[in-house]
Amino acid sequence: MTYVVTDACIACKYTDCVEVCPVDCFYEGENMLVIHPEECIDCGVCEPECPVEAIVPDTDDDNGKWLEINTKYASSWPNLTRKIDQLPDADAKAEEKGKLEKYFSPNPGDGD
């Protein structure tokens, strides 16, 4: 099992999870984070830190869509190992649904 970042992170990018990760397996996109599934040690410390509950075990990812997205972008986005400010409209967009289609950007973030 691994953990994956889901739709709720898009357009928010809270990084409380990054700060507690013991293996630095978070990667930063322009407007969301992903977890590298081969680096995640399944400790689960990141899951309760996410204020929008965007992190779930891959066993909760019914069709594997989020595992695929996390795997794909963790290979090309830069590693993020420290907490940074969330996106400017994060609080306003935190409860929105369907953010993958509305806001997702495949562009990398700045990383460390």
PDB file of N, CA and C in Angstrom:
ATOM      1  N   MET A   1       0.838  -1.182   0.000  1.00  0.00           N
ATOM      2  CA  MET A   1       0.000   0.000   0.000  1.00  0.00           C
ATOM      3  C   MET A   1       0.883   1.245   0.000  1.00  0.00           C
ATOM      4  N   THR A   2       0.362   2.293  -0.579  1.00  0.00           N
ATOM      5  CA  THR A   2       0.985   3.616  -0.561  1.00  0.00           C
ATOM      6  C   THR A   2      -0.125   4.629  -0.348  1.00  0.00           C
ATOM      7  N   TYR A   3       0.246   5.846  -0.140  1.00  0.00           N
ATOM      8  CA  TYR A   3      -0.728   6.925  -0.048  1.00  0.00           C
ATOM      9  C   TYR A   3      -0.683   7.724  -1.338  1.00  0.00           C
ATOM     10  N   VAL A   4      -1.813   8.357  -1.676  1.00  0.00           N
ATOM     11  CA  VAL A   4      -1.897   9.174  -2.876  1.00  0.00           C
ATOM     12  C   VAL A   4      -2.560  10.498  -2.539  1.00  0.00           C
ATOM     13  N   VAL A   5      -2.215  11.511  -3.296  1.00  0.00           N
ATOM     14  CA  VAL A   5      -2.843  12.821  -3.179  1.00  0.00           C
ATOM     15  C   VAL A   5      -3.956  12.872  -4.216  1.00  0.00           C
ATOM     16  N   THR A   6      -5.112  13.386  -3.818  1.00  0.00           N
ATOM     17  CA  THR A   6      -6.290  13.391  -4.683  1.00  0.00           C
ATOM     18  C   THR A   6      -6.739  14.811  -5.034  1.00  0.00           C
ATOM     19  N   ASP A   7      -7.864  14.874  -5.697  1.00  0.00           N
ATOM     20  CA  ASP A   7      -8.508  16.075  -6.214  1.00  0.00           C
ATOM     21  C   ASP A   7      -8.538  17.244  -5.228  1.00  0.00           C
ATOM     22  N   ALA A   8      -8.742  16.978  -3.961  1.00  0.00           N
ATOM     23  CA  ALA A   8      -8.901  18.053  -2.973  1.00  0.00           C
ATOM     24  C   ALA A   8      -7.668  18.952  -2.867  1.00  0.00           C
ATOM     25  N   CYS A   9      -6.508  18.463  -3.253  1.00  0.00           N
ATOM     26  CA  CYS A   9      -5.270  19.249  -3.176  1.00  0.00           C
ATOM     27  C   CYS A   9      -5.176  20.280  -4.305  1.00  0.00           C
ATOM     28  N   ILE A  10      -5.808  20.010  -5.413  1.00  0.00           N
ATOM     29  CA  ILE A  10      -5.698  20.879  -6.583  1.00  0.00           C
ATOM     30  C   ILE A  10      -6.235  22.272  -6.267  1.00  0.00           C
ATOM     31  N   ALA A  11      -5.464  23.275  -6.623  1.00  0.00           N
ATOM     32  CA  ALA A  11      -5.782  24.687  -6.423  1.00  0.00           C
ATOM     33  C   ALA A  11      -5.695  25.112  -4.964  1.00  0.00           C
ATOM     34  N   CYS A  12      -5.188  24.245  -4.090  1.00  0.00           N
ATOM     35  CA  CYS A  12      -4.994  24.576  -2.681  1.00  0.00           C
ATOM     36  C   CYS A  12      -3.515  24.479  -2.314  1.00  0.00           C
ATOM     37  N   LYS A  13      -2.957  23.288  -2.448  1.00  0.00           N
ATOM     38  CA  LYS A  13      -1.542  22.995  -2.216  1.00  0.00           C
ATOM     39  C   LYS A  13      -1.080  23.367  -0.808  1.00  0.00           C
ATOM     40  N   TYR A  14      -1.830  22.884   0.183  1.00  0.00           N
ATOM     41  CA  TYR A  14      -1.359  23.002   1.570  1.00  0.00           C
ATOM     42  C   TYR A  14      -0.183  22.042   1.706  1.00  0.00           C
ATOM     43  N   THR A  15       0.811  22.401   2.473  1.00  0.00           N
ATOM     44  CA  THR A  15       2.004  21.559   2.553  1.00  0.00           C
ATOM     45  C   THR A  15       2.331  21.100   3.974  1.00  0.00           C
ATOM     46  N   ASP A  16       1.340  21.061   4.832  1.00  0.00           N
ATOM     47  CA  ASP A  16       1.539  20.544   6.187  1.00  0.00           C
ATOM     48  C   ASP A  16       2.044  19.099   6.129  1.00  0.00           C
ATOM     49  N   CYS A  17       1.584  18.360   5.151  1.00  0.00           N
ATOM     50  CA  CYS A  17       1.952  16.959   4.956  1.00  0.00           C
ATOM     51  C   CYS A  17       3.442  16.800   4.655  1.00  0.00           C
ATOM     52  N   VAL A  18       3.975  17.709   3.887  1.00  0.00           N
ATOM     53  CA  VAL A  18       5.381  17.654   3.479  1.00  0.00           C
ATOM     54  C   VAL A  18       6.286  17.769   4.699  1.00  0.00           C
ATOM     55  N   GLU A  19       5.892  18.625   5.601  1.00  0.00           N
ATOM     56  CA  GLU A  19       6.685  18.904   6.787  1.00  0.00           C
ATOM     57  C   GLU A  19       6.874  17.679   7.683  1.00  0.00           C
ATOM     58  N   VAL A  20       5.911  16.754   7.688  1.00  0.00           N
ATOM     59  CA  VAL A  20       5.998  15.579   8.570  1.00  0.00           C
ATOM     60  C   VAL A  20       6.500  14.316   7.878  1.00  0.00           C
ATOM     61  N   CYS A  21       6.642  14.339   6.571  1.00  0.00           N
ATOM     62  CA  CYS A  21       7.045  13.136   5.830  1.00  0.00           C
ATOM     63  C   CYS A  21       8.494  12.755   6.159  1.00  0.00           C
ATOM     64  N   PRO A  22       8.716  11.547   6.680  1.00  0.00           N
ATOM     65  CA  PRO A  22      10.074  11.143   7.052  1.00  0.00           C
ATOM     66  C   PRO A  22      10.962  10.748   5.866  1.00  0.00           C
ATOM     67  N   VAL A  23      10.371  10.558   4.688  1.00  0.00           N
ATOM     68  CA  VAL A  23      11.171  10.112   3.542  1.00  0.00           C
ATOM     69  C   VAL A  23      11.141  11.080   2.356  1.00  0.00           C
ATOM     70  N   ASP A  24      10.569  12.255   2.551  1.00  0.00           N
ATOM     71  CA  ASP A  24      10.553  13.286   1.513  1.00  0.00           C
ATOM     72  C   ASP A  24      10.039  12.782   0.166  1.00  0.00           C
ATOM     73  N   CYS A  25       8.855  12.184   0.177  1.00  0.00           N
ATOM     74  CA  CYS A  25       8.322  11.608  -1.062  1.00  0.00           C
ATOM     75  C   CYS A  25       7.263  12.473  -1.742  1.00  0.00           C
ATOM     76  N   PHE A  26       7.192  13.759  -1.381  1.00  0.00           N
ATOM     77  CA  PHE A  26       6.246  14.668  -2.024  1.00  0.00           C
ATOM     78  C   PHE A  26       6.916  15.416  -3.163  1.00  0.00           C
ATOM     79  N   TYR A  27       6.155  15.599  -4.233  1.00  0.00           N
ATOM     80  CA  TYR A  27       6.634  16.302  -5.414  1.00  0.00           C
ATOM     81  C   TYR A  27       5.633  17.399  -5.740  1.00  0.00           C
ATOM     82  N   GLU A  28       6.166  18.535  -6.205  1.00  0.00           N
ATOM     83  CA  GLU A  28       5.348  19.728  -6.350  1.00  0.00           C
ATOM     84  C   GLU A  28       5.026  20.074  -7.792  1.00  0.00           C
ATOM     85  N   GLY A  29       3.729  20.155  -8.053  1.00  0.00           N
ATOM     86  CA  GLY A  29       3.254  20.682  -9.320  1.00  0.00           C
ATOM     87  C   GLY A  29       2.893  22.143  -9.147  1.00  0.00           C
ATOM     88  N   GLU A  30       2.520  22.763 -10.219  1.00  0.00           N
ATOM     89  CA  GLU A  30       2.158  24.179 -10.187  1.00  0.00           C
ATOM     90  C   GLU A  30       1.022  24.440  -9.193  1.00  0.00           C
ATOM     91  N   ASN A  31       0.041  23.521  -9.138  1.00  0.00           N
ATOM     92  CA  ASN A  31      -1.080  23.778  -8.236  1.00  0.00           C
ATOM     93  C   ASN A  31      -1.546  22.573  -7.422  1.00  0.00           C
ATOM     94  N   MET A  32      -0.676  21.592  -7.237  1.00  0.00           N
ATOM     95  CA  MET A  32      -0.974  20.476  -6.329  1.00  0.00           C
ATOM     96  C   MET A  32       0.305  19.722  -6.013  1.00  0.00           C
ATOM     97  N   LEU A  33       0.216  18.805  -5.084  1.00  0.00           N
ATOM     98  CA  LEU A  33       1.324  17.925  -4.730  1.00  0.00           C
ATOM     99  C   LEU A  33       0.967  16.511  -5.135  1.00  0.00           C
ATOM    100  N   VAL A  34       1.977  15.661  -5.284  1.00  0.00           N
ATOM    101  CA  VAL A  34       1.767  14.229  -5.464  1.00  0.00           C
ATOM    102  C   VAL A  34       2.767  13.491  -4.573  1.00  0.00           C
ATOM    103  N   ILE A  35       2.468  12.228  -4.312  1.00  0.00           N
ATOM    104  CA  ILE A  35       3.347  11.353  -3.547  1.00  0.00           C
ATOM    105  C   ILE A  35       3.955  10.337  -4.501  1.00  0.00           C
ATOM    106  N   HIS A  36       5.265  10.151  -4.404  1.00  0.00           N
ATOM    107  CA  HIS A  36       5.921   9.127  -5.230  1.00  0.00           C
ATOM    108  C   HIS A  36       5.642   7.772  -4.572  1.00  0.00           C
ATOM    109  N   PRO A  37       4.850   6.902  -5.225  1.00  0.00           N
ATOM    110  CA  PRO A  37       4.442   5.645  -4.604  1.00  0.00           C
ATOM    111  C   PRO A  37       5.588   4.679  -4.309  1.00  0.00           C
ATOM    112  N   GLU A  38       6.688   4.787  -5.039  1.00  0.00           N
ATOM    113  CA  GLU A  38       7.812   3.893  -4.780  1.00  0.00           C
ATOM    114  C   GLU A  38       8.687   4.390  -3.629  1.00  0.00           C
ATOM    115  N   GLU A  39       8.512   5.636  -3.234  1.00  0.00           N
ATOM    116  CA  GLU A  39       9.278   6.193  -2.123  1.00  0.00           C
ATOM    117  C   GLU A  39       8.483   6.208  -0.818  1.00  0.00           C
ATOM    118  N   CYS A  40       7.173   6.231  -0.913  1.00  0.00           N
ATOM    119  CA  CYS A  40       6.299   6.260   0.267  1.00  0.00           C
ATOM    120  C   CYS A  40       6.486   4.969   1.063  1.00  0.00           C
ATOM    121  N   ILE A  41       6.647   5.117   2.377  1.00  0.00           N
ATOM    122  CA  ILE A  41       6.839   3.935   3.235  1.00  0.00           C
ATOM    123  C   ILE A  41       5.556   3.549   3.965  1.00  0.00           C
ATOM    124  N   ASP A  42       4.448   4.130   3.562  1.00  0.00           N
ATOM    125  CA  ASP A  42       3.137   3.785   4.103  1.00  0.00           C
ATOM    126  C   ASP A  42       2.999   4.041   5.601  1.00  0.00           C
ATOM    127  N   CYS A  43       3.703   5.032   6.109  1.00  0.00           N
ATOM    128  CA  CYS A  43       3.638   5.310   7.545  1.00  0.00           C
ATOM    129  C   CYS A  43       2.348   6.018   7.924  1.00  0.00           C
ATOM    130  N   GLY A  44       1.771   6.773   7.000  1.00  0.00           N
ATOM    131  CA  GLY A  44       0.492   7.425   7.241  1.00  0.00           C
ATOM    132  C   GLY A  44       0.542   8.725   8.016  1.00  0.00           C
ATOM    133  N   VAL A  45       1.716   9.224   8.367  1.00  0.00           N
ATOM    134  CA  VAL A  45       1.763  10.458   9.159  1.00  0.00           C
ATOM    135  C   VAL A  45       1.267  11.673   8.392  1.00  0.00           C
ATOM    136  N   CYS A  46       1.307  11.634   7.084  1.00  0.00           N
ATOM    137  CA  CYS A  46       0.867  12.767   6.272  1.00  0.00           C
ATOM    138  C   CYS A  46      -0.653  12.895   6.217  1.00  0.00           C
ATOM    139  N   GLU A  47      -1.339  11.784   6.248  1.00  0.00           N
ATOM    140  CA  GLU A  47      -2.794  11.790   6.040  1.00  0.00           C
ATOM    141  C   GLU A  47      -3.545  12.717   7.001  1.00  0.00           C
ATOM    142  N   PRO A  48      -3.333  12.630   8.307  1.00  0.00           N
ATOM    143  CA  PRO A  48      -4.087  13.521   9.202  1.00  0.00           C
ATOM    144  C   PRO A  48      -3.633  14.983   9.162  1.00  0.00           C
ATOM    145  N   GLU A  49      -2.494  15.249   8.568  1.00  0.00           N
ATOM    146  CA  GLU A  49      -1.986  16.624   8.496  1.00  0.00           C
ATOM    147  C   GLU A  49      -2.652  17.453   7.412  1.00  0.00           C
ATOM    148  N   CYS A  50      -3.265  16.808   6.440  1.00  0.00           N
ATOM    149  CA  CYS A  50      -3.872  17.535   5.324  1.00  0.00           C
ATOM    150  C   CYS A  50      -5.202  18.154   5.770  1.00  0.00           C
ATOM    151  N   PRO A  51      -5.293  19.488   5.739  1.00  0.00           N
ATOM    152  CA  PRO A  51      -6.520  20.142   6.203  1.00  0.00           C
ATOM    153  C   PRO A  51      -7.726  19.924   5.293  1.00  0.00           C
ATOM    154  N   VAL A  52      -7.505  19.471   4.059  1.00  0.00           N
ATOM    155  CA  VAL A  52      -8.625  19.238   3.138  1.00  0.00           C
ATOM    156  C   VAL A  52      -8.842  17.752   2.855  1.00  0.00           C
ATOM    157  N   GLU A  53      -8.147  16.902   3.603  1.00  0.00           N
ATOM    158  CA  GLU A  53      -8.286  15.440   3.475  1.00  0.00           C
ATOM    159  C   GLU A  53      -8.036  14.947   2.049  1.00  0.00           C
ATOM    160  N   ALA A  54      -6.988  15.488   1.438  1.00  0.00           N
ATOM    161  CA  ALA A  54      -6.641  15.119   0.062  1.00  0.00           C
ATOM    162  C   ALA A  54      -5.791  13.860  -0.018  1.00  0.00           C
ATOM    163  N   ILE A  55      -5.255  13.394   1.101  1.00  0.00           N
ATOM    164  CA  ILE A  55      -4.367  12.230   1.089  1.00  0.00           C
ATOM    165  C   ILE A  55      -5.132  11.006   1.587  1.00  0.00           C
ATOM    166  N   VAL A  56      -5.102   9.956   0.753  1.00  0.00           N
ATOM    167  CA  VAL A  56      -5.803   8.710   1.100  1.00  0.00           C
ATOM    168  C   VAL A  56      -4.913   7.515   0.769  1.00  0.00           C
ATOM    169  N   PRO A  57      -5.174   6.379   1.420  1.00  0.00           N
ATOM    170  CA  PRO A  57      -4.451   5.163   1.024  1.00  0.00           C
ATOM    171  C   PRO A  57      -4.852   4.777  -0.397  1.00  0.00           C
ATOM    172  N   ASP A  58      -3.935   4.186  -1.136  1.00  0.00           N
ATOM    173  CA  ASP A  58      -4.275   3.798  -2.516  1.00  0.00           C
ATOM    174  C   ASP A  58      -5.388   2.764  -2.553  1.00  0.00           C
ATOM    175  N   THR A  59      -5.632   2.088  -1.450  1.00  0.00           N
ATOM    176  CA  THR A  59      -6.733   1.121  -1.397  1.00  0.00           C
ATOM    177  C   THR A  59      -8.094   1.819  -1.446  1.00  0.00           C
ATOM    178  N   ASP A  60      -8.123   3.119  -1.168  1.00  0.00           N
ATOM    179  CA  ASP A  60      -9.361   3.895  -1.269  1.00  0.00           C
ATOM    180  C   ASP A  60      -9.528   4.530  -2.656  1.00  0.00           C
ATOM    181  N   ASP A  61      -8.565   4.317  -3.516  1.00  0.00           N
ATOM    182  CA  ASP A  61      -8.569   4.858  -4.874  1.00  0.00           C
ATOM    183  C   ASP A  61      -9.180   3.794  -5.786  1.00  0.00           C
ATOM    184  N   ASP A  62     -10.513   3.744  -5.825  1.00  0.00           N
ATOM    185  CA  ASP A  62     -11.250   2.656  -6.463  1.00  0.00           C
ATOM    186  C   ASP A  62     -10.789   2.261  -7.851  1.00  0.00           C
ATOM    187  N   ASN A  63     -10.593   3.215  -8.734  1.00  0.00           N
ATOM    188  CA  ASN A  63     -10.223   2.851 -10.101  1.00  0.00           C
ATOM    189  C   ASN A  63      -8.745   3.075 -10.403  1.00  0.00           C
ATOM    190  N   GLY A  64      -7.966   3.463  -9.402  1.00  0.00           N
ATOM    191  CA  GLY A  64      -6.530   3.642  -9.592  1.00  0.00           C
ATOM    192  C   GLY A  64      -6.131   4.929 -10.288  1.00  0.00           C
ATOM    193  N   LYS A  65      -7.092   5.816 -10.516  1.00  0.00           N
ATOM    194  CA  LYS A  65      -6.820   7.078 -11.216  1.00  0.00           C
ATOM    195  C   LYS A  65      -5.775   7.912 -10.477  1.00  0.00           C
ATOM    196  N   TRP A  66      -5.903   8.035  -9.167  1.00  0.00           N
ATOM    197  CA  TRP A  66      -4.981   8.892  -8.411  1.00  0.00           C
ATOM    198  C   TRP A  66      -3.608   8.259  -8.263  1.00  0.00           C
ATOM    199  N   LEU A  67      -3.552   6.951  -8.175  1.00  0.00           N
ATOM    200  CA  LEU A  67      -2.253   6.276  -8.147  1.00  0.00           C
ATOM    201  C   LEU A  67      -1.520   6.530  -9.462  1.00  0.00           C
ATOM    202  N   GLU A  68      -2.241   6.471 -10.552  1.00  0.00           N
ATOM    203  CA  GLU A  68      -1.647   6.736 -11.872  1.00  0.00           C
ATOM    204  C   GLU A  68      -1.149   8.182 -11.976  1.00  0.00           C
ATOM    205  N   ILE A  69      -1.956   9.139 -11.533  1.00  0.00           N
ATOM    206  CA  ILE A  69      -1.573  10.551 -11.583  1.00  0.00           C
ATOM    207  C   ILE A  69      -0.363  10.810 -10.686  1.00  0.00           C
ATOM    208  N   ASN A  70      -0.384  10.280  -9.456  1.00  0.00           N
ATOM    209  CA  ASN A  70       0.741  10.472  -8.543  1.00  0.00           C
ATOM    210  C   ASN A  70       2.014   9.866  -9.109  1.00  0.00           C
ATOM    211  N   THR A  71       1.923   8.678  -9.671  1.00  0.00           N
ATOM    212  CA  THR A  71       3.086   8.001 -10.248  1.00  0.00           C
ATOM    213  C   THR A  71       3.658   8.799 -11.417  1.00  0.00           C
ATOM    214  N   LYS A  72       2.784   9.231 -12.313  1.00  0.00           N
ATOM    215  CA  LYS A  72       3.219   9.957 -13.503  1.00  0.00           C
ATOM    216  C   LYS A  72       3.936  11.259 -13.150  1.00  0.00           C
ATOM    217  N   TYR A  73       3.327  12.072 -12.306  1.00  0.00           N
ATOM    218  CA  TYR A  73       3.887  13.398 -12.050  1.00  0.00           C
ATOM    219  C   TYR A  73       5.022  13.396 -11.031  1.00  0.00           C
ATOM    220  N   ALA A  74       5.086  12.405 -10.160  1.00  0.00           N
ATOM    221  CA  ALA A  74       6.218  12.308  -9.221  1.00  0.00           C
ATOM    222  C   ALA A  74       7.520  12.069  -9.979  1.00  0.00           C
ATOM    223  N   SER A  75       7.420  11.532 -11.184  1.00  0.00           N
ATOM    224  CA  SER A  75       8.602  11.271 -11.994  1.00  0.00           C
ATOM    225  C   SER A  75       9.155  12.524 -12.669  1.00  0.00           C
ATOM    226  N   SER A  76       8.316  13.560 -12.803  1.00  0.00           N
ATOM    227  CA  SER A  76       8.772  14.732 -13.543  1.00  0.00           C
ATOM    228  C   SER A  76       8.719  16.044 -12.755  1.00  0.00           C
ATOM    229  N   TRP A  77       7.985  16.087 -11.674  1.00  0.00           N
ATOM    230  CA  TRP A  77       7.915  17.300 -10.869  1.00  0.00           C
ATOM    231  C   TRP A  77       9.052  17.310  -9.854  1.00  0.00           C
ATOM    232  N   PRO A  78       9.462  18.502  -9.385  1.00  0.00           N
ATOM    233  CA  PRO A  78      10.549  18.583  -8.410  1.00  0.00           C
ATOM    234  C   PRO A  78      10.111  18.151  -7.006  1.00  0.00           C
ATOM    235  N   ASN A  79      11.061  17.624  -6.275  1.00  0.00           N
ATOM    236  CA  ASN A  79      10.835  17.195  -4.895  1.00  0.00           C
ATOM    237  C   ASN A  79      10.623  18.423  -4.009  1.00  0.00           C
ATOM    238  N   LEU A  80       9.706  18.284  -3.056  1.00  0.00           N
ATOM    239  CA  LEU A  80       9.454  19.344  -2.088  1.00  0.00           C
ATOM    240  C   LEU A  80       9.636  18.747  -0.701  1.00  0.00           C
ATOM    241  N   THR A  81      10.509  19.334   0.112  1.00  0.00           N
ATOM    242  CA  THR A  81      10.825  18.764   1.426  1.00  0.00           C
ATOM    243  C   THR A  81      10.547  19.726   2.578  1.00  0.00           C
ATOM    244  N   ARG A  82       9.970  20.863   2.272  1.00  0.00           N
ATOM    245  CA  ARG A  82       9.691  21.835   3.328  1.00  0.00           C
ATOM    246  C   ARG A  82       8.318  22.456   3.119  1.00  0.00           C
ATOM    247  N   LYS A  83       7.781  22.983   4.184  1.00  0.00           N
ATOM    248  CA  LYS A  83       6.472  23.631   4.108  1.00  0.00           C
ATOM    249  C   LYS A  83       6.609  24.975   3.393  1.00  0.00           C
ATOM    250  N   ILE A  84       5.660  25.244   2.505  1.00  0.00           N
ATOM    251  CA  ILE A  84       5.578  26.525   1.815  1.00  0.00           C
ATOM    252  C   ILE A  84       4.152  27.050   1.973  1.00  0.00           C
ATOM    253  N   ASP A  85       3.925  28.287   1.587  1.00  0.00           N
ATOM    254  CA  ASP A  85       2.584  28.864   1.680  1.00  0.00           C
ATOM    255  C   ASP A  85       1.650  28.178   0.690  1.00  0.00           C
ATOM    256  N   GLN A  86       0.402  28.000   1.118  1.00  0.00           N
ATOM    257  CA  GLN A  86      -0.611  27.447   0.215  1.00  0.00           C
ATOM    258  C   GLN A  86      -0.917  28.476  -0.868  1.00  0.00           C
ATOM    259  N   LEU A  87      -1.644  28.065  -1.875  1.00  0.00           N
ATOM    260  CA  LEU A  87      -2.010  28.961  -2.965  1.00  0.00           C
ATOM    261  C   LEU A  87      -2.948  30.058  -2.448  1.00  0.00           C
ATOM    262  N   PRO A  88      -2.939  31.225  -3.076  1.00  0.00           N
ATOM    263  CA  PRO A  88      -3.709  32.375  -2.579  1.00  0.00           C
ATOM    264  C   PRO A  88      -5.211  32.114  -2.367  1.00  0.00           C
ATOM    265  N   ASP A  89      -5.855  31.371  -3.230  1.00  0.00           N
ATOM    266  CA  ASP A  89      -7.292  31.113  -3.100  1.00  0.00           C
ATOM    267  C   ASP A  89      -7.592  29.755  -2.468  1.00  0.00           C
ATOM    268  N   ALA A  90      -6.629  29.187  -1.781  1.00  0.00           N
ATOM    269  CA  ALA A  90      -6.778  27.828  -1.237  1.00  0.00           C
ATOM    270  C   ALA A  90      -8.001  27.678  -0.343  1.00  0.00           C
ATOM    271  N   ASP A  91      -8.198  28.576   0.571  1.00  0.00           N
ATOM    272  CA  ASP A  91      -9.331  28.443   1.494  1.00  0.00           C
ATOM    273  C   ASP A  91     -10.664  28.518   0.757  1.00  0.00           C
ATOM    274  N   ALA A  92     -10.749  29.381  -0.234  1.00  0.00           N
ATOM    275  CA  ALA A  92     -11.993  29.535  -0.993  1.00  0.00           C
ATOM    276  C   ALA A  92     -12.289  28.309  -1.863  1.00  0.00           C
ATOM    277  N   LYS A  93     -11.249  27.634  -2.338  1.00  0.00           N
ATOM    278  CA  LYS A  93     -11.438  26.499  -3.246  1.00  0.00           C
ATOM    279  C   LYS A  93     -11.365  25.141  -2.540  1.00  0.00           C
ATOM    280  N   ALA A  94     -11.099  25.140  -1.256  1.00  0.00           N
ATOM    281  CA  ALA A  94     -10.886  23.898  -0.515  1.00  0.00           C
ATOM    282  C   ALA A  94     -12.052  22.917  -0.597  1.00  0.00           C
ATOM    283  N   GLU A  95     -13.256  23.390  -0.604  1.00  0.00           N
ATOM    284  CA  GLU A  95     -14.437  22.505  -0.585  1.00  0.00           C
ATOM    285  C   GLU A  95     -14.983  22.182  -1.971  1.00  0.00           C
ATOM    286  N   GLU A  96     -14.414  22.756  -3.002  1.00  0.00           N
ATOM    287  CA  GLU A  96     -14.916  22.511  -4.356  1.00  0.00           C
ATOM    288  C   GLU A  96     -14.732  21.059  -4.765  1.00  0.00           C
ATOM    289  N   LYS A  97     -15.615  20.579  -5.581  1.00  0.00           N
ATOM    290  CA  LYS A  97     -15.531  19.231  -6.151  1.00  0.00           C
ATOM    291  C   LYS A  97     -15.180  19.349  -7.632  1.00  0.00           C
ATOM    292  N   GLY A  98     -14.664  18.275  -8.213  1.00  0.00           N
ATOM    293  CA  GLY A  98     -14.365  18.258  -9.643  1.00  0.00           C
ATOM    294  C   GLY A  98     -13.215  19.158 -10.054  1.00  0.00           C
ATOM    295  N   LYS A  99     -12.247  19.328  -9.161  1.00  0.00           N
ATOM    296  CA  LYS A  99     -11.153  20.250  -9.451  1.00  0.00           C
ATOM    297  C   LYS A  99     -10.177  19.721 -10.495  1.00  0.00           C
ATOM    298  N   LEU A 100     -10.126  18.419 -10.706  1.00  0.00           N
ATOM    299  CA  LEU A 100      -9.220  17.858 -11.712  1.00  0.00           C
ATOM    300  C   LEU A 100      -9.534  18.448 -13.085  1.00  0.00           C
ATOM    301  N   GLU A 101     -10.775  18.450 -13.447  1.00  0.00           N
ATOM    302  CA  GLU A 101     -11.200  18.963 -14.752  1.00  0.00           C
ATOM    303  C   GLU A 101     -11.119  20.486 -14.829  1.00  0.00           C
ATOM    304  N   LYS A 102     -11.352  21.168 -13.712  1.00  0.00           N
ATOM    305  CA  LYS A 102     -11.396  22.634 -13.702  1.00  0.00           C
ATOM    306  C   LYS A 102     -10.019  23.290 -13.619  1.00  0.00           C
ATOM    307  N   TYR A 103      -9.157  22.777 -12.741  1.00  0.00           N
ATOM    308  CA  TYR A 103      -7.955  23.530 -12.393  1.00  0.00           C
ATOM    309  C   TYR A 103      -6.618  22.817 -12.581  1.00  0.00           C
ATOM    310  N   PHE A 104      -6.601  21.513 -12.739  1.00  0.00           N
ATOM    311  CA  PHE A 104      -5.336  20.787 -12.741  1.00  0.00           C
ATOM    312  C   PHE A 104      -4.354  21.321 -13.781  1.00  0.00           C
ATOM    313  N   SER A 105      -3.103  21.502 -13.358  1.00  0.00           N
ATOM    314  CA  SER A 105      -2.033  21.896 -14.273  1.00  0.00           C
ATOM    315  C   SER A 105      -0.953  20.831 -14.252  1.00  0.00           C
ATOM    316  N   PRO A 106      -0.518  20.369 -15.417  1.00  0.00           N
ATOM    317  CA  PRO A 106       0.568  19.390 -15.473  1.00  0.00           C
ATOM    318  C   PRO A 106       1.954  20.015 -15.300  1.00  0.00           C
ATOM    319  N   ASN A 107       2.002  21.328 -15.175  1.00  0.00           N
ATOM    320  CA  ASN A 107       3.280  22.029 -15.048  1.00  0.00           C
ATOM    321  C   ASN A 107       3.902  21.803 -13.682  1.00  0.00           C
ATOM    322  N   PRO A 108       5.225  21.725 -13.645  1.00  0.00           N
ATOM    323  CA  PRO A 108       5.908  21.525 -12.366  1.00  0.00           C
ATOM    324  C   PRO A 108       5.871  22.781 -11.503  1.00  0.00           C
ATOM    325  N   GLY A 109       6.053  22.569 -10.195  1.00  0.00           N
ATOM    326  CA  GLY A 109       6.211  23.683  -9.270  1.00  0.00           C
ATOM    327  C   GLY A 109       7.681  24.056  -9.171  1.00  0.00           C
ATOM    328  N   ASP A 110       8.016  24.803  -8.141  1.00  0.00           N
ATOM    329  CA  ASP A 110       9.394  25.262  -7.965  1.00  0.00           C
ATOM    330  C   ASP A 110      10.277  24.258  -7.229  1.00  0.00           C
ATOM    331  N   GLY A 111       9.676  23.427  -6.368  1.00  0.00           N
ATOM    332  CA  GLY A 111      10.473  22.483  -5.584  1.00  0.00           C
ATOM    333  C   GLY A 111      11.324  23.213  -4.569  1.00  0.00           C
ATOM    334  N   ASP A 112      12.329  22.511  -4.064  1.00  0.00           N
ATOM    335  CA  ASP A 112      13.179  23.100  -3.034  1.00  0.00           C
ATOM    336  C   ASP A 112      14.230  23.997  -3.607  1.00  0.00           C
TER     337      ASP A 112
END
